[in-house]
């Protein structure tokens, strides 16, 4: 299992061993070769200080307690950028892809919004393939420098746009989620659930549900709060539902978010139910794309519509 954690002075020897590698250094911009322990000590201390100042976030990656890599995000020319390095003895096993994915998730969990940039030298195509697996696309050629080799080196700029993440809610999410929940058209389409008079009641309701065992996740689109998903028990049946802000409708965000949510919750092989008003086909399509099958029909009185609403019942088998 790959774990990510903050480094400390106790990790200095492993940190030095990682970066004292010519192959790594020639593909990096700010790592000379060879290095000494003083360089490693200063770099580690400088990065810890920069994180404390909100300038970056640097993490070590550990597999079964073994330090196998390092990476994080930082800001350059006003842009959010990521970088990562894998230990020479741990390459070729897909760790770079896992690390890069965890770094992107960390940036989004910190609610950093907008595109994410990464750069790699074009004579290091393996790094480009890692980024492409995460959804990064090529965004132009340029040049860069490396402290481990001379001259200008052709560099490929990569950008991640429109990514969808599903993360634990933060207090700062609730004002946005509440505003999205107040959308009258969205309420009409959903035809069910509660209508809240204020944000505090909305937040308290969800926090109470979490305490009772519900799973609630915020949907982030390019780092911005786009809606939420919930999984809860109703009359002995596990159900899933979601709410997406109107500005994020029609772009496949709900489908991507639900698929990620199901994977996180480990429900791909579990019986999981959902309900959709018959006159809301877009929500039915989302469920069907994620593997739900229509298994029945029901009806209920909707306080929002002031009428009886016919609905389809879905189940994930």
Foldseek 3Di string as FASTA:
>chain_A
DKDKDQDDPVCLVVQLQQLQDLVQQQWDAPRAHHDDSVVSVVVSVVQVVCVVVVFWDKIFMDDVNHTFWIWAWGADPRAIEIDMGGGPVPPPPCVLLVVVVVRVVVCLVVLDFDKYKYKTFPVCCVNVVSVVVVPWDWDDKDWGHTNHDDDTTIMTMIIHAFDKDWAADDPVLQVVQLVLLQPLVQCVQQLDDDNDPDSVVVVVVVVVQVVVPKDKIFMATRSHGFWMKIWHDDPNAIEIDIGGRPVPPDPCRLLVHVLNVCVVVVCQPPKYKYKGFPVNVVVVVSCVVNQKDFDAKDWDQGPSVRGITIMTMIIRD
